[in-house]
Amino acid sequence: MEPLSLTVHFIDMDFNMKTKCLQTSFFPGDHTGQNIAAGLKQALATWDLEESKLVCITTDNNAYVILAAELNGWMRLQCFGHRLHLAIERAMKDHRIERAVGVCKQVVSTFSFSWKKKRELKKAQIDLKLPDHSLKTECPTRWGSRQAMVSRVLEQQKAIARVLSQDRGTRHLIPSWQDIDVLEAINKTLGPLVEFTDALSGEKYEAAVMGTPVGNTEVADDGASNQKKMKKGLSSFFKAPHSTAPGAEHARQLDQAIAFELQAYFQAGTLDTEEDPLGWWKLSQNLFRNHVLLSHFEIVWDSGLLVFIYFL
């Protein structure tokens, strides 16, 4: 039995990302697709979040969570971070990597449970002019922690070798040159992926549109503009039904304004990957007054992460 937490991510009037935990409720019963689906619906209803405004739900590959999204009729997107985690875990299934990582774990464990070795490591760091850093332990469910552990062992390998060589019982734990080669390859490969994952997981900025809040459109080979097709689809989303009732003319004028605004949006230049998209929106908000800002309603589940994208 696990709790079901509802966390809201939203953009305030100054275009800053905010996070608030709305509720953490007891979730009894088996975690079947039917029960999860009912629990998600209830969580939305509790906070008067309309399902009709929900755009999509992002989940991991858990079969029950996938079934819950299907039962609720919600569009599901696969979590990129989770798929990256699975790909890295599969790539690590090599006997050379397993041996080198195993040596790392033994070394870290030896220092973790011995205050004397920690003390000697400090002395060795001073003598060898190495950074005064402690060794890091790997967390099985966080592949980034493996890279952190490997990187720290490589940084402190001279100090580690000096301390371990002073004890007959631990000399065999000194990584061999073959292990060091493998660890350096692991660190070189996983380092950029860790940085990318950290950027993808940010809560203070919008990672989903990071670097490209404005996208240019391409022209098809037959000369027809794909922009026209895209504009038609987006503007139709905002359209009010044609009616002769009072206010219908205002609705048509608003629809035209939105169409022109969308056309200007798609013709704008693309941001550099290092620029902040929310900063761009803050400067450009007067040019795109009719655009709808998105907020993220995120449900944290024990088997994965469910992210709701919800129109304000």
Protein backbone atom coordinates (compact mmCIF):
# COMPACT_ATOMS: atom_id res chain seq x y z
CA MET A 1 0.00 0.00 0.00
CA GLU A 2 1.47 3.31 -1.15
CA PRO A 3 0.28 6.93 -0.97
CA LEU A 4 -0.75 8.89 -4.03
CA SER A 5 0.68 12.41 -4.17
CA LEU A 6 -0.52 15.24 -6.38
CA THR A 7 2.01 17.98 -7.16
CA VAL A 8 1.29 21.02 -9.30
CA HIS A 9 3.91 22.74 -11.45
CA PHE A 10 2.89 26.09 -12.86
CA ILE A 11 4.20 29.34 -14.31
CA ASP A 12 3.42 32.48 -12.29
CA MET A 13 2.70 35.96 -13.67
CA ASP A 14 6.44 36.73 -13.75
CA PHE A 15 7.12 33.58 -15.81
CA ASN A 16 8.84 31.69 -13.01
CA MET A 17 8.37 27.95 -12.55
CA LYS A 18 6.66 27.08 -9.24
CA THR A 19 5.99 23.75 -7.53
CA LYS A 20 3.36 23.01 -4.89
CA CYS A 21 2.30 19.70 -3.34
CA LEU A 22 -1.51 19.70 -3.27
CA GLN A 23 -2.17 16.41 -1.54
CA THR A 24 -0.77 13.08 -0.37
CA SER A 25 -3.54 10.55 0.14
CA PHE A 26 -3.66 6.93 1.26
CA PHE A 27 -4.10 4.49 -1.62
CA PRO A 28 -5.44 1.14 -0.39
CA GLY A 29 -5.83 -2.03 -2.41
CA ASP A 30 -3.79 -3.62 -5.18
CA HIS A 31 -2.06 -1.43 -7.73
CA THR A 32 -4.03 -2.72 -10.69
CA GLY A 33 -4.72 -0.67 -13.79
CA GLN A 34 -8.36 -0.25 -12.77
CA ASN A 35 -7.50 0.96 -9.26
CA ILE A 36 -4.82 3.36 -10.47
CA ALA A 37 -7.17 4.77 -13.11
CA ALA A 38 -9.84 5.40 -10.47
CA GLY A 39 -7.30 6.95 -8.11
CA LEU A 40 -6.03 9.36 -10.76
CA LYS A 41 -9.56 10.44 -11.65
CA GLN A 42 -10.38 11.01 -8.01
CA ALA A 43 -7.22 13.09 -7.48
CA LEU A 44 -8.15 15.39 -10.36
CA ALA A 45 -11.76 15.68 -9.19
CA THR A 46 -10.68 16.56 -5.64
CA TRP A 47 -9.01 19.72 -6.94
CA ASP A 48 -11.64 20.50 -9.60
CA LEU A 49 -9.20 19.85 -12.44
CA GLU A 50 -11.28 19.19 -15.55
CA GLU A 51 -10.31 16.14 -17.60
CA SER A 52 -11.48 17.93 -20.75
CA LYS A 53 -8.52 20.32 -20.38
CA LEU A 54 -5.95 17.59 -19.83
CA VAL A 55 -3.58 17.33 -22.80
CA CYS A 56 -1.51 14.24 -22.01
CA ILE A 57 0.02 12.08 -19.29
CA THR A 58 3.69 11.07 -19.15
CA THR A 59 4.49 7.72 -17.53
CA ASP A 60 7.17 5.08 -17.23
CA ASN A 61 6.78 1.62 -18.79
CA ASN A 62 4.85 0.07 -15.90
CA ALA A 63 2.08 -2.05 -17.43
CA TYR A 64 -0.51 -1.11 -14.79
CA VAL A 65 0.12 2.62 -15.21
CA ILE A 66 -0.11 2.30 -18.99
CA LEU A 67 -3.40 0.42 -18.61
CA ALA A 68 -4.71 3.13 -16.26
CA ALA A 69 -4.06 5.82 -18.87
CA GLU A 70 -5.84 3.71 -21.52
CA LEU A 71 -8.84 3.08 -19.27
CA ASN A 72 -9.19 6.81 -18.61
CA GLY A 73 -8.84 7.59 -22.31
CA TRP A 74 -5.85 9.90 -21.73
CA MET A 75 -3.13 10.47 -24.30
CA ARG A 76 0.09 8.94 -22.95
CA LEU A 77 3.67 9.99 -23.64
CA GLN A 78 6.59 7.82 -22.58
CA CYS A 79 8.99 9.37 -20.07
CA PHE A 80 12.24 10.16 -21.90
CA GLY A 81 14.28 10.11 -18.70
CA HIS A 82 12.98 6.66 -17.78
CA ARG A 83 13.73 5.25 -21.25
CA LEU A 84 17.22 6.73 -21.08
CA HIS A 85 17.68 5.03 -17.70
CA LEU A 86 16.64 1.65 -19.17
CA ALA A 87 18.97 2.07 -22.16
CA ILE A 88 21.95 2.87 -19.92
CA GLU A 89 21.21 -0.06 -17.62
CA ARG A 90 21.17 -2.44 -20.59
CA ALA A 91 24.40 -0.97 -21.93
CA MET A 92 26.06 -1.62 -18.56
CA LYS A 93 25.42 -5.38 -18.83
CA ASP A 94 28.96 -6.31 -19.79
CA HIS A 95 31.24 -8.54 -17.72
CA ARG A 96 34.12 -6.03 -17.90
CA ILE A 97 31.90 -3.19 -16.71
CA GLU A 98 30.33 -5.35 -14.01
CA ARG A 99 33.77 -6.31 -12.70
CA ALA A 100 35.11 -2.72 -12.68
CA VAL A 101 31.95 -1.34 -11.05
CA GLY A 102 32.07 -4.18 -8.54
CA VAL A 103 35.61 -3.20 -7.57
CA CYS A 104 34.41 0.41 -7.16
CA LYS A 105 31.63 -0.68 -4.83
CA GLN A 106 34.01 -2.74 -2.70
CA VAL A 107 36.44 0.16 -2.42
CA VAL A 108 33.71 2.61 -1.41
CA SER A 109 32.27 0.12 1.07
CA THR A 110 35.69 -0.45 2.66
CA PHE A 111 36.15 3.25 3.35
CA SER A 112 32.52 3.76 4.41
CA PHE A 113 32.79 1.25 7.27
CA SER A 114 36.25 2.21 8.53
CA TRP A 115 36.87 5.52 10.24
CA LYS A 116 40.60 4.75 10.26
CA LYS A 117 40.71 4.44 6.48
CA LYS A 118 38.70 7.64 6.15
CA ARG A 119 41.31 9.36 8.33
CA GLU A 120 44.18 7.94 6.26
CA LEU A 121 42.41 9.00 3.07
CA LYS A 122 42.29 12.58 4.35
CA LYS A 123 46.06 12.48 5.03
CA ALA A 124 46.77 11.03 1.58
CA GLN A 125 44.67 13.74 -0.07
CA ILE A 126 46.72 16.42 1.65
CA ASP A 127 50.05 14.78 0.74
CA LEU A 128 49.02 14.23 -2.90
CA LYS A 129 47.30 17.62 -3.14
CA LEU A 130 43.99 16.07 -4.12
CA PRO A 131 40.55 17.61 -3.46
CA ASP A 132 39.18 16.97 0.02
CA HIS A 133 36.27 14.86 -1.24
CA SER A 134 34.57 11.83 0.27
CA LEU A 135 33.82 8.74 -1.80
CA LYS A 136 30.28 8.39 -3.12
CA THR A 137 27.96 5.39 -2.90
CA GLU A 138 25.87 4.13 -5.80
CA CYS A 139 22.07 4.08 -5.55
CA PRO A 140 20.66 1.17 -7.61
CA THR A 141 17.64 3.15 -8.85
CA ARG A 142 19.69 6.21 -9.89
CA TRP A 143 22.10 5.48 -12.73
CA GLY A 144 23.60 8.95 -12.31
CA SER A 145 24.89 7.92 -8.90
CA ARG A 146 27.00 5.22 -10.60
CA GLN A 147 28.74 7.81 -12.71
CA ALA A 148 29.26 9.96 -9.60
CA MET A 149 30.80 7.00 -7.75
CA VAL A 150 33.10 6.12 -10.66
CA SER A 151 34.14 9.74 -11.19
CA ARG A 152 35.06 10.16 -7.52
CA VAL A 153 37.08 6.90 -7.42
CA LEU A 154 39.02 8.01 -10.52
CA GLU A 155 39.66 11.40 -8.95
CA GLN A 156 40.99 9.83 -5.74
CA GLN A 157 42.63 6.70 -7.20
CA LYS A 158 46.15 7.64 -6.06
CA ALA A 159 45.04 8.35 -2.50
CA ILE A 160 42.91 5.19 -2.48
CA ALA A 161 45.82 3.05 -3.68
CA ARG A 162 48.13 4.51 -1.02
CA VAL A 163 45.70 3.75 1.82
CA LEU A 164 44.71 0.27 0.63
CA SER A 165 48.33 -0.76 0.02
CA GLN A 166 49.15 -0.20 3.70
CA ASP A 167 46.84 -3.05 4.76
CA ARG A 168 47.40 -6.65 3.62
CA GLY A 169 43.71 -7.33 3.90
CA THR A 170 42.76 -4.62 1.43
CA ARG A 171 45.60 -4.60 -1.08
CA HIS A 172 43.63 -6.83 -3.43
CA LEU A 173 40.98 -4.11 -3.70
CA ILE A 174 43.31 -1.68 -5.50
CA PRO A 175 41.82 -1.29 -9.01
CA SER A 176 44.01 -2.76 -11.75
CA TRP A 177 44.98 -0.78 -14.83
CA GLN A 178 42.37 -2.74 -16.79
CA ASP A 179 39.70 -1.68 -14.29
CA ILE A 180 40.85 1.93 -14.49
CA ASP A 181 40.59 1.87 -18.30
CA VAL A 182 37.03 0.56 -18.10
CA LEU A 183 36.07 3.08 -15.41
CA GLU A 184 37.48 5.96 -17.46
CA ALA A 185 35.44 4.78 -20.46
CA ILE A 186 32.29 4.61 -18.30
CA ASN A 187 32.90 8.08 -16.88
CA LYS A 188 33.58 9.57 -20.31
CA THR A 189 30.39 8.06 -21.73
CA LEU A 190 28.00 8.73 -18.86
CA GLY A 191 29.26 12.21 -17.94
CA PRO A 192 27.46 14.10 -20.75
CA LEU A 193 24.31 12.02 -20.21
CA VAL A 194 24.23 12.97 -16.53
CA GLU A 195 24.43 16.66 -17.44
CA PHE A 196 21.65 16.23 -19.99
CA THR A 197 19.45 14.37 -17.51
CA ASP A 198 20.00 17.07 -14.87
CA ALA A 199 18.91 19.71 -17.38
CA LEU A 200 15.89 17.61 -18.35
CA SER A 201 14.88 17.22 -14.70
CA GLY A 202 14.98 20.90 -13.76
CA GLU A 203 12.08 22.37 -11.79
CA LYS A 204 13.05 26.04 -12.09
CA TYR A 205 12.63 26.16 -15.87
CA GLU A 206 10.51 24.57 -18.56
CA ALA A 207 12.44 21.49 -19.71
CA ALA A 208 9.79 20.26 -22.13
CA VAL A 209 10.41 23.17 -24.51
CA MET A 210 13.97 23.85 -23.43
CA GLY A 211 15.87 25.73 -26.14
CA THR A 212 13.03 25.88 -28.67
CA PRO A 213 10.03 27.81 -27.37
CA VAL A 214 9.64 29.09 -30.90
CA GLY A 215 9.86 26.64 -33.79
CA ASN A 216 10.29 27.38 -37.48
CA THR A 217 8.25 25.43 -40.00
CA GLU A 218 9.41 23.78 -43.20
CA VAL A 219 8.06 24.03 -46.72
CA ALA A 220 7.05 20.80 -48.44
CA ASP A 221 8.57 19.76 -51.78
CA ASP A 222 5.38 20.64 -53.64
CA GLY A 223 5.66 24.23 -52.43
CA ALA A 224 2.81 23.95 -49.93
CA SER A 225 3.57 25.34 -46.50
CA ASN A 226 3.40 22.95 -43.56
CA GLN A 227 2.93 26.06 -41.44
CA LYS A 228 -0.50 26.54 -42.94
CA LYS A 229 -1.54 23.05 -41.92
CA MET A 230 -0.16 23.48 -38.41
CA LYS A 231 -1.83 26.87 -38.01
CA LYS A 232 -5.13 25.39 -39.04
CA GLY A 233 -4.90 22.65 -36.46
CA LEU A 234 -3.88 24.94 -33.58
CA SER A 235 -6.29 27.76 -34.34
CA SER A 236 -9.17 25.33 -34.70
CA PHE A 237 -8.41 24.20 -31.14
CA PHE A 238 -9.18 27.71 -29.89
CA LYS A 239 -12.18 28.30 -32.14
CA ALA A 240 -15.56 29.06 -30.67
CA PRO A 241 -18.51 27.36 -32.42
CA HIS A 242 -20.12 29.49 -35.14
CA SER A 243 -23.28 30.99 -33.80
CA THR A 244 -25.70 33.78 -34.49
CA ALA A 245 -26.11 34.39 -30.78
CA PRO A 246 -24.94 37.66 -29.20
CA GLY A 247 -21.15 37.69 -28.96
CA ALA A 248 -20.61 35.47 -32.02
CA GLU A 249 -18.99 38.32 -33.95
CA HIS A 250 -16.59 38.97 -31.07
CA ALA A 251 -15.69 35.28 -31.04
CA ARG A 252 -14.87 35.37 -34.76
CA GLN A 253 -12.71 38.46 -34.30
CA LEU A 254 -10.87 36.77 -31.45
CA ASP A 255 -10.35 33.71 -33.64
CA GLN A 256 -8.82 35.86 -36.37
CA ALA A 257 -6.56 37.58 -33.86
CA ILE A 258 -5.39 34.21 -32.57
CA ALA A 259 -4.72 33.00 -36.12
CA PHE A 260 -2.57 36.05 -36.93
CA GLU A 261 -0.80 35.69 -33.58
CA LEU A 262 0.00 32.04 -34.24
CA GLN A 263 1.34 32.90 -37.68
CA ALA A 264 3.68 35.49 -36.18
CA TYR A 265 4.72 32.99 -33.50
CA PHE A 266 5.74 30.33 -36.02
CA GLN A 267 7.67 32.86 -38.11
CA ALA A 268 9.73 34.05 -35.17
CA GLY A 269 13.33 32.88 -34.84
CA THR A 270 14.44 29.86 -32.84
CA LEU A 271 16.11 30.45 -29.48
CA ASP A 272 19.66 29.37 -28.76
CA THR A 273 19.83 26.16 -26.70
CA GLU A 274 21.37 28.06 -23.75
CA GLU A 275 18.62 30.71 -23.57
CA ASP A 276 15.73 30.56 -21.13
CA PRO A 277 12.38 30.04 -22.94
CA LEU A 278 10.41 31.50 -20.02
CA GLY A 279 12.55 34.63 -20.22
CA TRP A 280 11.66 34.87 -23.90
CA TRP A 281 7.97 34.55 -23.06
CA LYS A 282 8.24 37.26 -20.43
CA LEU A 283 9.70 39.69 -23.00
CA SER A 284 7.27 38.65 -25.74
CA GLN A 285 4.04 38.39 -23.74
CA ASN A 286 2.65 41.64 -25.17
CA LEU A 287 3.10 40.28 -28.69
CA PHE A 288 1.21 37.06 -27.95
CA ARG A 289 -1.56 38.11 -25.58
CA ASN A 290 -3.96 35.37 -26.65
CA HIS A 291 -1.58 32.47 -26.20
CA VAL A 292 -2.53 29.98 -23.55
CA LEU A 293 0.12 29.26 -20.93
CA LEU A 294 0.51 25.68 -19.81
CA SER A 295 0.90 24.38 -16.27
CA HIS A 296 1.93 20.86 -15.28
CA PHE A 297 -0.02 18.72 -12.85
CA GLU A 298 2.22 15.90 -11.78
CA ILE A 299 1.22 12.73 -9.93
CA VAL A 300 4.10 10.89 -8.26
CA TRP A 301 3.49 7.14 -8.19
CA ASP A 302 5.58 4.41 -6.59
CA SER A 303 6.05 2.68 -9.94
CA GLY A 304 6.90 5.77 -11.92
CA LEU A 305 6.19 9.42 -12.66
CA LEU A 306 2.89 10.59 -14.09
CA VAL A 307 2.95 14.11 -15.48
CA PHE A 308 -0.27 15.87 -16.44
CA ILE A 309 -0.12 18.75 -18.90
CA TYR A 310 -3.17 20.84 -18.24
CA PHE A 311 -4.52 23.99 -19.90
CA LEU A 312 -5.21 26.91 -17.56
